[in-house]
N, C-alpha and C. Protein backbone atom coordinates (compact mmCIF):
# COMPACT_ATOMS: atom_id res chain seq x y z
N MET A 1 -12.82 -13.05 -10.05
CA MET A 1 -13.56 -14.78 -10.83
C MET A 1 -12.36 -15.33 -9.86
N PRO A 2 -12.97 -16.72 -9.78
CA PRO A 2 -12.28 -17.95 -9.75
C PRO A 2 -12.26 -18.60 -10.98
N ILE A 3 -10.71 -19.24 -10.92
CA ILE A 3 -10.05 -20.02 -12.26
C ILE A 3 -9.94 -20.98 -11.94
N ILE A 4 -10.16 -22.09 -12.87
CA ILE A 4 -10.09 -23.37 -12.10
C ILE A 4 -8.47 -23.60 -12.40
N GLY A 5 -8.01 -23.88 -11.01
CA GLY A 5 -6.73 -24.64 -11.17
C GLY A 5 -5.91 -23.44 -10.33
N GLN A 6 -6.85 -22.38 -10.07
CA GLN A 6 -5.64 -21.05 -9.01
C GLN A 6 -6.51 -20.87 -8.17
N LYS A 7 -5.15 -20.09 -6.89
CA LYS A 7 -5.81 -19.67 -5.53
C LYS A 7 -6.88 -18.68 -5.90
N PHE A 8 -7.93 -18.89 -5.82
CA PHE A 8 -9.25 -17.45 -5.11
C PHE A 8 -8.44 -17.02 -3.82
N ASP A 9 -9.20 -15.51 -3.52
CA ASP A 9 -9.08 -15.15 -2.38
C ASP A 9 -10.08 -13.62 -2.69
N PHE A 10 -10.86 -13.50 -1.81
CA PHE A 10 -11.27 -12.48 -1.79
C PHE A 10 -12.03 -12.23 -0.42
N ILE A 11 -11.80 -10.85 -0.05
CA ILE A 11 -12.10 -10.12 1.48
C ILE A 11 -12.86 -8.99 1.38
N ILE A 12 -14.29 -9.37 1.91
CA ILE A 12 -14.69 -8.21 2.33
C ILE A 12 -14.09 -7.19 2.97
N SER A 13 -14.48 -6.16 2.40
CA SER A 13 -13.79 -4.98 2.91
C SER A 13 -14.22 -4.34 4.25
N ASN A 14 -13.96 -3.81 5.40
CA ASN A 14 -14.29 -3.67 6.43
C ASN A 14 -15.88 -2.35 6.76
N ASN A 15 -15.37 -1.82 5.38
CA ASN A 15 -16.73 -0.55 5.43
C ASN A 15 -17.59 -1.10 4.29
N THR A 16 -18.35 -2.94 4.30
CA THR A 16 -18.97 -2.85 3.28
C THR A 16 -20.35 -2.89 3.53
N PHE A 17 -20.62 -3.14 5.05
CA PHE A 17 -21.40 -3.15 6.17
C PHE A 17 -21.66 -2.13 7.33
N TYR A 18 -22.80 -1.83 7.10
CA TYR A 18 -22.65 -0.82 8.42
C TYR A 18 -24.29 -0.89 9.67
N ASP A 19 -23.71 -1.26 10.42
CA ASP A 19 -25.00 -0.65 11.33
C ASP A 19 -25.64 0.57 11.62
N ASP A 20 -26.34 1.19 12.07
CA ASP A 20 -26.78 2.57 12.32
C ASP A 20 -26.00 2.52 13.69
N ASP A 21 -26.80 1.45 14.71
CA ASP A 21 -26.23 1.51 15.93
C ASP A 21 -25.06 0.92 16.66
N ASN A 22 -24.25 0.67 15.64
CA ASN A 22 -22.83 0.18 16.06
C ASN A 22 -22.94 -1.08 16.48
N ASP A 23 -23.87 -1.47 16.26
CA ASP A 23 -23.87 -3.40 16.85
C ASP A 23 -22.91 -3.70 16.10
N LYS A 24 -22.02 -5.00 16.96
CA LYS A 24 -20.98 -5.80 15.80
C LYS A 24 -22.13 -6.92 15.15
N LEU A 25 -21.07 -6.85 13.77
CA LEU A 25 -22.13 -7.93 12.37
C LEU A 25 -21.52 -8.48 12.47
N GLU A 26 -22.12 -9.76 12.32
CA GLU A 26 -21.65 -11.24 12.16
C GLU A 26 -22.52 -11.27 10.44
N ILE A 27 -21.23 -12.02 9.53
CA ILE A 27 -22.03 -12.47 8.53
C ILE A 27 -21.71 -13.99 8.61
N TYR A 28 -22.89 -14.38 7.82
CA TYR A 28 -23.11 -15.94 7.50
C TYR A 28 -23.31 -16.21 6.38
N VAL A 29 -22.70 -17.40 6.01
CA VAL A 29 -22.76 -17.50 4.31
C VAL A 29 -23.07 -18.90 4.03
N ASN A 30 -24.11 -19.56 3.40
CA ASN A 30 -24.31 -20.53 2.91
C ASN A 30 -23.86 -21.00 1.71
N ASN A 31 -22.63 -21.41 1.40
CA ASN A 31 -21.81 -22.34 0.41
C ASN A 31 -22.05 -23.85 0.36
N SER A 32 -22.99 -24.68 1.18
CA SER A 32 -22.93 -25.97 1.34
C SER A 32 -22.89 -26.77 0.11
N ASN A 33 -23.32 -25.86 -0.93
CA ASN A 33 -23.31 -26.93 -2.40
C ASN A 33 -21.58 -25.94 -3.00
N ILE A 34 -20.99 -25.51 -2.32
CA ILE A 34 -19.38 -25.48 -2.63
C ILE A 34 -18.17 -25.58 -2.39
N ASN A 35 -18.22 -27.32 -2.42
CA ASN A 35 -17.18 -27.64 -1.87
C ASN A 35 -15.81 -27.65 -1.52
N TRP A 36 -15.37 -26.59 -3.02
CA TRP A 36 -13.98 -26.00 -2.49
C TRP A 36 -13.66 -24.52 -2.13
N LEU A 37 -14.75 -24.05 -1.66
CA LEU A 37 -14.95 -22.47 -1.34
C LEU A 37 -15.30 -22.77 -0.17
N PHE A 38 -14.09 -21.49 0.79
CA PHE A 38 -14.38 -21.69 2.47
C PHE A 38 -14.28 -20.21 2.76
N PHE A 39 -14.94 -19.90 3.87
CA PHE A 39 -15.18 -18.79 4.48
C PHE A 39 -14.67 -18.69 5.65
N ASP A 40 -13.67 -17.83 6.03
CA ASP A 40 -13.05 -17.12 7.85
C ASP A 40 -13.92 -16.38 7.91
N SER A 41 -14.72 -16.51 8.77
CA SER A 41 -15.71 -15.18 9.37
C SER A 41 -14.91 -14.45 9.90
N VAL A 42 -13.59 -14.46 11.10
CA VAL A 42 -13.47 -13.54 11.32
C VAL A 42 -12.30 -12.75 10.57
N ASN A 43 -11.74 -13.41 9.48
CA ASN A 43 -11.54 -12.15 8.56
C ASN A 43 -12.14 -12.12 7.60
N LYS A 44 -13.22 -12.43 7.68
CA LYS A 44 -14.23 -12.06 6.23
C LYS A 44 -13.59 -12.17 4.40
N LYS A 45 -13.58 -13.35 4.77
CA LYS A 45 -12.17 -14.01 3.87
C LYS A 45 -12.80 -15.21 3.01
N PHE A 46 -13.11 -15.28 1.54
CA PHE A 46 -13.16 -16.11 0.60
C PHE A 46 -11.94 -16.89 0.40
N TYR A 47 -11.64 -18.31 0.13
CA TYR A 47 -10.68 -18.84 -0.18
C TYR A 47 -10.90 -20.19 -0.98
N GLY A 48 -10.17 -20.44 -1.67
CA GLY A 48 -9.90 -21.96 -2.03
C GLY A 48 -9.23 -21.74 -3.58
N ILE A 49 -9.24 -23.71 -4.26
CA ILE A 49 -8.86 -23.68 -5.03
C ILE A 49 -9.75 -24.24 -5.94
N PRO A 50 -10.10 -23.86 -6.72
CA PRO A 50 -12.07 -24.76 -7.78
C PRO A 50 -10.85 -25.76 -8.89
N LEU A 51 -11.99 -26.57 -8.39
CA LEU A 51 -10.84 -27.68 -9.97
C LEU A 51 -11.52 -27.65 -11.04
N LYS A 52 -11.00 -29.17 -12.28
CA LYS A 52 -11.23 -29.07 -13.28
C LYS A 52 -13.16 -29.24 -12.99
N GLU A 53 -13.57 -30.29 -12.16
CA GLU A 53 -14.90 -30.77 -11.93
C GLU A 53 -15.78 -29.45 -11.59
N ASP A 54 -15.17 -28.56 -11.07
CA ASP A 54 -15.92 -27.32 -10.30
C ASP A 54 -16.15 -26.19 -10.97
N PHE A 55 -16.21 -26.40 -12.44
CA PHE A 55 -16.44 -25.28 -13.71
C PHE A 55 -18.04 -25.42 -13.26
N TYR A 56 -18.40 -24.21 -12.71
CA TYR A 56 -20.00 -24.05 -12.82
C TYR A 56 -20.19 -22.87 -12.30
N ASN A 57 -21.39 -22.47 -12.42
CA ASN A 57 -22.24 -21.33 -12.32
C ASN A 57 -22.31 -21.22 -10.91
N TYR A 58 -22.58 -20.64 -9.36
CA TYR A 58 -22.80 -20.97 -8.02
C TYR A 58 -23.60 -20.27 -7.85
N THR A 59 -24.33 -20.14 -6.56
CA THR A 59 -24.81 -19.04 -5.96
C THR A 59 -24.70 -18.94 -4.30
N LEU A 60 -24.62 -17.86 -4.04
CA LEU A 60 -24.21 -17.92 -2.37
C LEU A 60 -25.03 -16.88 -1.98
N ASN A 61 -25.85 -17.40 -0.68
CA ASN A 61 -26.81 -16.92 0.44
C ASN A 61 -25.88 -16.09 1.43
N ILE A 62 -25.45 -14.87 1.32
CA ILE A 62 -25.09 -14.15 2.59
C ILE A 62 -25.85 -13.48 3.32
N THR A 63 -25.50 -14.16 4.96
CA THR A 63 -26.91 -12.84 5.62
C THR A 63 -25.71 -12.15 6.63
N ILE A 64 -26.19 -10.68 6.94
CA ILE A 64 -25.64 -9.98 8.43
C ILE A 64 -26.24 -9.89 8.95
N SER A 65 -25.65 -9.69 10.16
CA SER A 65 -26.70 -10.22 11.22
C SER A 65 -26.31 -9.11 12.39
N ASP A 66 -27.02 -8.04 13.26
CA ASP A 66 -26.62 -7.34 14.39
C ASP A 66 -26.95 -8.23 15.63
N GLY A 67 -27.13 -9.58 15.57
CA GLY A 67 -28.04 -10.05 16.58
C GLY A 67 -29.59 -9.64 17.03
N PHE A 68 -30.17 -8.64 16.26
CA PHE A 68 -30.91 -8.16 16.21
C PHE A 68 -32.27 -8.50 14.64
N GLU A 69 -31.74 -7.89 14.01
CA GLU A 69 -32.09 -8.02 12.82
C GLU A 69 -30.55 -8.73 11.28
N ASN A 70 -31.41 -9.30 10.71
CA ASN A 70 -30.70 -9.70 9.24
C ASN A 70 -31.55 -9.12 8.08
N VAL A 71 -30.16 -9.33 7.43
CA VAL A 71 -30.59 -9.11 5.94
C VAL A 71 -29.63 -9.90 5.43
N SER A 72 -30.10 -10.35 4.19
CA SER A 72 -29.87 -11.33 3.14
C SER A 72 -29.72 -10.60 1.71
N ASP A 73 -28.57 -11.69 0.70
CA ASP A 73 -28.60 -11.38 -0.63
C ASP A 73 -28.24 -12.71 -1.29
N ILE A 74 -28.38 -12.50 -2.36
CA ILE A 74 -27.59 -13.57 -3.33
C ILE A 74 -26.11 -13.03 -3.93
N PHE A 75 -25.55 -13.44 -4.25
CA PHE A 75 -24.69 -13.53 -4.84
C PHE A 75 -24.23 -14.63 -5.63
N TYR A 76 -23.90 -14.39 -6.82
CA TYR A 76 -23.17 -15.64 -8.21
C TYR A 76 -22.37 -15.30 -8.10
N LEU A 77 -21.35 -16.42 -8.14
CA LEU A 77 -19.90 -16.59 -8.18
C LEU A 77 -19.73 -17.93 -9.78
N ASN A 78 -18.80 -17.52 -10.44
CA ASN A 78 -19.35 -18.42 -11.65
C ASN A 78 -17.20 -19.18 -12.14
N VAL A 79 -17.01 -19.84 -11.94
CA VAL A 79 -16.43 -20.24 -11.71
C VAL A 79 -15.43 -20.73 -13.23
N LEU A 80 -14.64 -19.86 -13.51
CA LEU A 80 -13.92 -19.75 -15.26
C LEU A 80 -12.64 -20.48 -15.46
N ASN A 81 -12.84 -21.31 -16.82
CA ASN A 81 -11.97 -22.05 -17.20
C ASN A 81 -10.78 -21.57 -18.49
N PHE A 82 -9.80 -21.51 -17.96
CA PHE A 82 -8.65 -20.64 -19.04
C PHE A 82 -7.61 -21.45 -19.42
């Protein structure tokens, strides 16, 4: 969980998603409402530092595509204040 004022890193492991045909998978993240969170699609890494004004519960829409088919899901990200 991200904590206000602390660096947040989360890497999606290589075995999280797979394709039966071994097609290359691309990950797309709709995080346009989260100005402090960035996604490095090459390294499959979320990173950022939430500030005090970022204390909120966010919704991320993540789509996985093999170029032919897409699968999407919603993930929830809560910024904590300790």
